[in-house]
Amino acid sequence: MSRPGWQAYRAAVISSAELMRRVRDQVARSRRQPENSPDRRPARLANTRTTLLRTSGNNVIWCRCGVGLHDYLGIASHAHVDPLSVEVRYAGTGILTYPGTSCHHGEHEWCSYLRSGQDGPFMWGRNAHTREIEVLDDGDIARWTAEYDGYAVDSSALHRRSVLLDRASRSVDIVDQIAGGSYDIRLAFHLGSDVQAELEESYAVLCWPTASAPGAARLELPPGLRWSLSRSVPAATLLGCGRCTPEIPLIARLEFLDVGQPGKSAVSRRAISWTTSAALSGETPEIQAEAR
């Protein structure tokens, strides 16, 4: 290579190396914690209407509770059917989470389940409303409660959901209640792509042996519904169908098990109950836990 050519090549290599150095410096700076940043990550992200419930230490249990918006420029376009979404992760592995294995178009029943569709494929005739009722984080107990009127067949139907994370027992309770009458319902729990599931009468046995942090859990399903397990590669969905009444809340309990001891619960079972009068009166429902 001639000297002028060599000099040009060397200059190009130096420029490339300098560019890489600047990129590395920028990434390093972005990872540093600003001096005025809080010591603890926020549990509520007000701008996104999201609340995070989580444990600390090893194998963190992380719950994302969302109160999603239900409008676009005031015309309720591309609105989600259920903004009271709940996502549960264990050590970074999605346990209860929608894995995105279905499509939003076509004539299959799951297509209408995933989109809006009152006045069109992605259009509602009116704006639905969500309201966050309570966010509590006190010691071992973290709880979130919200309600949504988007399912209203008439003006009285109201869906209320509460998520309770018990850090001591490392369990998650999801409580659903429909106020205003008795309705035919479908309640679905979408499982992450790493989760293997077996349905056994009133509960499901979950495990994720190939994840970076293997684990297992027992999901107690609300009684009174007909439960089935459908698999859409690479994920599965637990679907309960039946009829609900305001007096009987639907309670699902996710108990994480000791790793290496399948079938043995890491905690004692508990019963969670709602005081029905509070749930129907619009007041914050009282959730009680009784050891058994």
Foldseek 3Di string as FASTA:
>chain_A
DDPVVVVVVVVVVVVVVVVVVVVVVVVVVVPDDDPPDDPDDDQADVVQQWGWDWEDDAFIKIKIFFQHFQCDPFFRFFGFLDRRDMWIDTRRATFFDAAPLDDCDDDDPVNCVGEPDPPHSGGDRHTKDKAWADFDDDPQKTKTKMKICSVDPDPFWIKIWMWIQGNVQRKIKIKIAIGDFKDKDKDKTWGGLQWDWDDDVQKIKIWRCPDPDTWIKIKGWFPAWDWDWDCRPSIIMIMTTHMHGLVDMTMIMIFTDDPPDPPDGPHFDWDWDWDSVCVHVVHDIDIDIDGD
